[in-house]
Protein backbone atom coordinates (compact mmCIF):
# COMPACT_ATOMS: atom_id res chain seq x y z
CA MET A 1 -70.27 25.87 -19.47
CA GLY A 2 -73.99 25.99 -19.54
CA ASP A 3 -76.46 28.51 -18.89
CA ASN A 4 -77.99 26.60 -16.33
CA MET A 5 -74.83 26.17 -14.05
CA THR A 6 -75.53 28.21 -10.70
CA ARG A 7 -72.62 30.74 -10.08
CA GLU A 8 -71.46 28.28 -7.05
CA GLU A 9 -71.20 25.28 -9.10
CA LEU A 10 -69.08 28.30 -11.77
CA ASN A 11 -66.89 29.03 -9.30
CA GLU A 12 -66.27 25.44 -8.26
CA GLU A 13 -65.65 24.00 -11.81
CA ILE A 14 -63.32 26.60 -12.21
CA GLN A 15 -60.96 25.89 -8.89
CA ASN A 16 -61.22 22.25 -10.14
CA GLU A 17 -59.43 23.68 -12.93
CA ILE A 18 -57.08 25.72 -11.01
CA PHE A 19 -56.31 22.73 -9.14
CA LYS A 20 -55.68 20.44 -11.42
CA GLU A 21 -53.22 22.83 -13.33
CA GLU A 22 -51.53 23.49 -10.18
CA LYS A 23 -51.44 19.90 -9.51
CA LYS A 24 -49.81 19.24 -12.87
CA GLU A 25 -47.09 22.18 -12.02
CA SER A 26 -46.28 20.55 -8.97
CA ARG A 27 -45.63 17.41 -10.71
CA LYS A 28 -43.30 18.51 -13.45
CA LYS A 29 -41.31 20.05 -10.32
CA ILE A 30 -40.82 17.23 -8.49
CA ILE A 31 -39.74 15.90 -11.68
CA LYS A 32 -37.54 18.04 -13.00
CA THR A 33 -36.53 17.92 -9.23
CA ILE A 34 -35.95 13.90 -9.27
CA LEU A 35 -33.71 14.19 -12.68
CA LYS A 36 -31.72 16.99 -10.83
CA VAL A 37 -30.63 15.01 -8.19
CA THR A 38 -30.26 11.69 -10.28
CA GLY A 39 -27.56 13.83 -12.42
CA ILE A 40 -25.86 15.06 -9.93
CA LEU A 41 -25.47 11.96 -8.33
CA ILE A 42 -24.51 10.29 -11.28
CA ILE A 43 -21.67 12.71 -12.03
CA LEU A 44 -20.59 12.86 -8.42
CA LEU A 45 -20.35 8.62 -8.46
CA THR A 46 -19.31 8.62 -12.12
CA LEU A 47 -15.96 11.40 -10.21
CA PHE A 48 -16.08 9.27 -7.27
CA TYR A 49 -15.14 6.05 -9.84
CA THR A 50 -12.77 8.08 -12.01
CA TYR A 51 -10.88 8.88 -8.87
CA THR A 52 -10.82 6.33 -6.88
CA THR A 53 -10.02 3.91 -9.84
CA TYR A 54 -8.02 5.60 -12.47
CA ILE A 55 -6.03 8.87 -10.67
CA SER A 56 -6.03 7.87 -6.58
CA THR A 57 -4.65 4.39 -7.78
CA VAL A 58 -1.96 5.34 -9.79
CA LYS A 59 -0.85 9.12 -8.33
CA ILE A 60 2.18 7.72 -6.45
CA GLN A 61 3.74 9.32 -3.01
CA VAL A 62 6.92 9.19 -1.56
CA ARG A 63 6.43 8.83 2.51
CA GLU A 64 9.80 10.16 4.13
CA TYR A 65 10.69 9.51 7.51
CA ARG A 66 13.61 9.58 9.98
CA ILE A 67 14.68 6.74 12.01
CA LYS A 68 17.08 7.79 15.25
CA ASN A 69 18.54 4.68 17.24
CA SER A 70 21.73 4.56 19.47
CA LYS A 71 22.40 1.30 18.24
CA ILE A 72 23.07 2.25 14.81
CA PRO A 73 26.58 2.32 14.33
CA ASP A 74 28.24 5.92 12.98
CA SER A 75 29.11 4.52 9.75
CA PHE A 76 25.50 4.33 9.17
CA LYS A 77 24.58 8.02 9.65
CA GLY A 78 22.80 9.15 7.24
CA THR A 79 21.94 5.26 5.66
CA LYS A 80 18.84 5.81 2.83
CA ILE A 81 16.91 3.02 2.66
CA ILE A 82 13.76 2.38 -0.09
CA GLN A 83 10.76 -0.05 0.94
CA LEU A 84 8.67 -0.95 -2.35
CA SER A 85 6.28 -3.60 -1.11
CA ASP A 86 2.62 -4.70 -2.92
CA LEU A 87 3.83 -3.96 -6.54
CA HIS A 88 0.62 -6.41 -7.86
CA TYR A 89 1.78 -5.58 -11.30
CA GLY A 90 -1.16 -6.01 -13.67
CA SER A 91 -3.76 -4.70 -11.70
CA THR A 92 -3.38 -0.43 -11.25
CA MET A 93 0.62 -1.16 -12.04
CA GLY A 94 1.91 -1.53 -15.72
CA LYS A 95 5.09 -0.96 -17.55
CA ASP A 96 4.43 3.25 -17.38
CA GLU A 97 4.27 3.10 -13.47
CA ILE A 98 7.05 1.15 -13.37
CA LYS A 99 9.21 3.50 -15.05
CA LYS A 100 8.19 6.23 -12.67
CA ILE A 101 8.92 3.64 -9.40
CA VAL A 102 11.98 3.47 -11.10
CA LYS A 103 12.78 6.75 -11.34
CA LEU A 104 11.77 7.66 -7.68
CA THR A 105 14.15 5.58 -6.13
CA ASN A 106 16.69 6.03 -8.45
CA ASP A 107 16.00 10.18 -8.04
CA ARG A 108 17.02 9.26 -3.84
CA LYS A 109 19.79 7.45 -4.55
CA PRO A 110 19.34 4.87 -2.22
CA ASP A 111 21.92 2.76 -0.40
CA ILE A 112 19.38 -0.28 0.68
CA ILE A 113 16.32 -1.01 -1.11
CA VAL A 114 13.88 -4.00 0.20
CA PHE A 115 10.74 -4.91 -1.70
CA THR A 116 8.78 -6.26 1.35
CA GLY A 117 6.20 -8.66 -1.28
CA ASP A 118 3.43 -9.35 -3.68
CA LEU A 119 5.08 -8.36 -7.07
CA ILE A 120 2.34 -10.12 -9.08
CA ASN A 121 -0.98 -9.64 -9.10
CA LYS A 122 -2.05 -13.20 -8.59
CA ASP A 123 -5.01 -13.09 -11.50
CA TYR A 124 -2.80 -11.13 -13.80
CA ASP A 125 -1.34 -13.39 -16.54
CA LEU A 126 2.67 -11.95 -17.26
CA LYS A 127 3.19 -12.64 -20.76
CA ILE A 128 7.03 -13.04 -21.36
CA LYS A 129 7.96 -10.03 -22.81
CA GLU A 130 6.74 -8.35 -19.31
CA GLN A 131 8.61 -10.52 -17.47
CA GLU A 132 11.81 -9.55 -19.55
CA GLN A 133 10.48 -5.89 -19.51
CA LEU A 134 9.87 -5.73 -15.40
CA ILE A 135 13.38 -7.54 -15.10
CA THR A 136 14.88 -4.78 -17.12
CA GLN A 137 12.92 -2.45 -14.97
CA LEU A 138 13.94 -4.23 -11.53
CA LYS A 139 17.18 -4.45 -12.59
CA SER A 140 18.44 -0.67 -12.84
CA MET A 141 17.21 0.47 -9.37
CA ASN A 142 20.16 1.22 -8.40
CA ALA A 143 21.40 0.86 -4.01
CA THR A 144 24.81 0.80 -2.86
CA LEU A 145 24.83 -1.76 -0.49
CA GLY A 146 21.50 -4.27 -1.97
CA LYS A 147 18.64 -5.18 -2.95
CA TYR A 148 16.60 -7.65 -1.02
CA ALA A 149 13.43 -9.12 -1.44
CA ILE A 150 10.80 -11.21 0.78
CA PHE A 151 7.49 -13.63 -1.04
CA GLY A 152 4.45 -12.04 -0.19
CA ASP A 153 1.69 -14.83 0.14
CA GLU A 154 0.59 -14.21 -3.70
CA ASP A 155 4.44 -14.80 -4.89
CA ASN A 156 5.97 -18.19 -6.60
CA GLU A 157 9.23 -18.92 -7.87
CA LYS A 158 8.46 -17.67 -11.35
CA ILE A 159 8.75 -13.83 -9.19
CA ALA A 160 12.13 -15.59 -7.74
CA THR A 161 13.61 -15.91 -11.04
CA ILE A 162 12.14 -12.33 -11.89
CA TYR A 163 14.18 -10.94 -8.58
CA ASN A 164 17.11 -13.24 -9.27
CA GLN A 165 17.85 -11.77 -12.44
CA SER A 166 17.12 -8.15 -11.75
CA ASP A 167 20.04 -8.81 -8.97
CA PHE A 168 17.99 -8.51 -5.88
CA THR A 169 18.77 -11.08 -2.88
CA ILE A 170 15.80 -13.01 -1.86
CA LEU A 171 15.88 -13.96 1.87
CA ARG A 172 13.74 -17.09 2.68
CA ASN A 173 13.49 -16.82 6.38
CA GLU A 174 17.39 -15.96 6.40
CA TYR A 175 19.89 -12.74 7.37
CA ASP A 176 22.24 -10.59 5.77
CA LEU A 177 25.00 -8.35 7.66
CA ILE A 178 25.24 -4.75 6.26
CA TYR A 179 28.60 -3.73 6.32
CA LYS A 180 29.50 0.01 5.32
CA GLU A 181 33.31 1.38 5.57
CA ASP A 182 34.22 -0.46 9.19
CA ASN A 183 33.77 -3.37 10.33
CA ASN A 184 30.24 -2.51 12.64
CA PRO A 185 27.50 -4.07 10.90
CA ILE A 186 23.40 -3.93 10.90
CA LEU A 187 21.24 -6.75 10.73
CA LEU A 188 18.94 -7.50 7.78
CA VAL A 189 15.79 -10.40 8.51
CA GLY A 190 13.47 -11.57 5.74
CA LEU A 191 10.69 -13.56 6.45
CA SER A 192 8.70 -15.12 3.88
CA SER A 193 4.93 -14.83 4.10
CA ALA A 194 3.51 -16.21 6.82
CA LYS A 195 1.03 -18.09 4.57
CA LYS A 196 3.69 -19.74 2.88
CA ASP A 197 7.41 -21.41 4.41
CA GLN A 198 7.97 -18.98 7.76
CA ASN A 199 10.14 -19.93 10.13
CA ILE A 200 10.88 -17.11 12.50
CA GLU A 201 13.89 -19.13 14.38
CA LYS A 202 15.54 -20.11 11.29
CA ALA A 203 15.36 -16.34 9.91
CA TYR A 204 16.77 -15.35 13.58
CA SER A 205 19.41 -17.99 13.68
CA TYR A 206 21.99 -14.65 13.40
CA PHE A 207 21.02 -15.16 17.68
CA LYS A 208 21.57 -18.60 17.97
CA GLU A 209 24.81 -19.44 16.28
CA GLY A 210 27.84 -18.63 18.34
CA ASN A 211 28.87 -15.45 20.44
CA HIS A 212 27.42 -12.16 18.11
CA ASN A 213 26.76 -9.61 18.75
CA ILE A 214 23.06 -9.27 20.57
CA ASN A 215 22.80 -5.49 20.33
CA ILE A 216 23.34 -5.20 17.12
CA TYR A 217 20.75 -2.78 15.42
CA THR A 218 18.04 -5.42 13.36
CA ILE A 219 15.72 -4.78 10.42
CA ALA A 220 13.39 -7.19 9.70
CA ILE A 221 11.74 -7.31 6.49
CA LEU A 222 8.37 -9.00 6.09
CA HIS A 223 5.00 -9.15 4.36
CA GLU A 224 1.92 -9.55 6.56
CA PRO A 225 2.45 -7.04 10.04
CA ASP A 226 0.45 -9.07 12.25
CA THR A 227 3.69 -11.26 12.36
CA VAL A 228 5.69 -8.67 14.40
CA ASP A 229 4.08 -9.92 17.73
CA ASP A 230 4.79 -13.41 17.44
CA ILE A 231 8.56 -12.16 16.56
CA LEU A 232 8.70 -10.21 19.52
CA SER A 233 7.59 -12.49 21.98
CA MET A 234 11.06 -14.18 20.77
CA TYR A 235 13.40 -11.55 19.68
CA GLN A 236 14.26 -8.08 19.78
CA THR A 237 13.80 -6.13 16.24
CA ASP A 238 13.97 -2.37 16.23
CA LEU A 239 12.66 -1.90 13.10
CA PHE A 240 10.02 -3.81 11.00
CA LEU A 241 8.92 -2.50 7.65
CA GLY A 242 5.73 -4.27 6.44
CA GLY A 243 3.35 -4.44 3.57
CA HIS A 244 0.08 -6.31 2.53
CA SER A 245 -2.30 -4.52 4.64
CA HIS A 246 -2.21 -1.66 1.44
CA ASN A 247 -3.16 0.65 4.86
CA GLY A 248 -6.78 -0.95 4.35
CA ASN A 249 -6.49 0.78 0.39
CA ILE A 250 -9.76 2.80 2.18
CA ARG A 251 -8.63 5.06 4.69
CA LEU A 252 -11.14 7.53 6.29
CA PRO A 253 -9.45 10.63 6.71
CA ILE A 254 -8.61 12.32 10.88
CA ILE A 255 -9.35 9.48 12.28
CA HIS A 256 -7.32 6.78 10.28
CA TYR A 257 -10.30 4.26 10.13
CA THR A 258 -9.90 1.56 7.77
CA PRO A 259 -13.21 -0.07 7.15
CA PHE A 260 -11.94 -3.32 5.05
CA LYS A 261 -9.09 -5.24 7.21
CA ILE A 262 -7.13 -8.62 5.57
CA ASN A 263 -6.05 -11.69 7.46
CA GLY A 264 -2.79 -10.57 8.61
CA ALA A 265 -3.16 -7.60 8.95
CA LYS A 266 -6.19 -7.26 11.21
CA LYS A 267 -4.53 -5.28 13.99
CA TYR A 268 -1.65 -3.93 11.90
CA ASP A 269 -2.86 -2.22 9.53
CA GLN A 270 -1.96 1.79 9.62
CA ASP A 271 1.37 3.24 8.09
CA TYR A 272 3.21 3.51 11.80
CA TYR A 273 3.32 1.45 15.31
CA LYS A 274 5.41 1.77 18.31
CA ILE A 275 5.49 -1.20 20.22
CA GLU A 276 7.80 -1.34 22.87
CA GLN A 277 11.29 -0.69 21.68
CA SER A 278 10.67 -1.61 18.62
CA GLU A 279 9.03 0.75 15.45
CA LEU A 280 6.65 -1.00 12.69
CA TYR A 281 6.04 1.01 9.40
CA ILE A 282 3.86 -0.48 7.04
CA SER A 283 3.57 0.77 3.39
CA SER A 284 0.33 1.38 1.54
CA GLY A 285 1.75 -0.64 -0.90
CA LEU A 286 1.62 0.24 -5.06
CA GLY A 287 -0.74 -1.93 -6.41
CA THR A 288 -4.26 -3.01 -5.29
CA LYS A 289 -6.23 -5.94 -4.87
CA LYS A 290 -9.43 -4.40 -4.91
CA GLY A 291 -8.70 -1.97 -7.67
CA ILE A 292 -9.72 1.24 -5.57
CA ARG A 293 -8.08 3.36 -3.56
CA LEU A 294 -9.50 6.61 -0.91
CA PHE A 295 -7.72 8.81 1.15
CA CYS A 296 -4.90 6.10 0.61
CA ARG A 297 -2.48 6.89 -2.59
CA PRO A 298 0.28 3.96 -3.04
CA SER A 299 3.39 4.83 -1.62
CA ILE A 300 7.41 4.20 -2.22
CA ASN A 301 8.87 4.35 1.90
CA PHE A 302 12.47 6.03 1.98
CA PHE A 303 13.66 6.05 5.22
CA ARG A 304 16.94 7.79 6.78
CA ILE A 305 18.64 6.13 9.72
CA SER A 306 21.29 7.77 12.27
CA ASN A 307 21.93 7.35 15.57
CA GLN A 308 21.51 11.18 16.54
């Protein structure tokens, strides 16, 4: 600093130097804060992606329900039904997950197993070896009164071969009378996907074939749950078991809101609805369509039915 500078000029220069240093330190703090926030966001996004893609998509839960209806015959008291749906093999479900599903199913010793559509992911090229493994696993599922399946919107004739070789009865707009110990059956109705060859009148033809019991306890398995309103406009059904919606894959907790709805499940997409005298249960499915799940784990639905 020159000898000719006045005291005021000297103070001003010192103040400028101090200001520059403070500004430099302030910039450093801002940069550090931005880096910290960016790092935290990256960690949170990584954890979110890992959880929604690799953890919540394969942590299968078993949802247990008790169904009570006076129309259920005494012989069916305590009958156990397992519902599987929307496996989408080749998405987040592979051979290891199939083994878990089989074990979770057989451990509960079901009387009836129903599969409500979409066995293979539509974009997945199923290899012959994988098909053989899938048949072996599905065949090892045990049910004392029968195993049944319907076609979802992504199912094709290759899936029919897999079901047939796995001892599943495919109900293509058909019904079956299920007996247990006596001559009082329940009625199981199976409808194909609304995007396939769905025919409600054909599926419910039991009620048009003579003097049948119009008060028979009736279970309908279907893929798209929004079909329920069309059915109930024609036929009374006690219990509906549906799939397709995956309960939204992403569900906001507490309010149970699903931000992403799909055709066929725009009205009914949650896990349970009471519709007049009928009950509708919708599986959250096992595989995924979009590859992620949030607050909506894959599930096996497990029902115990009784007249008391």
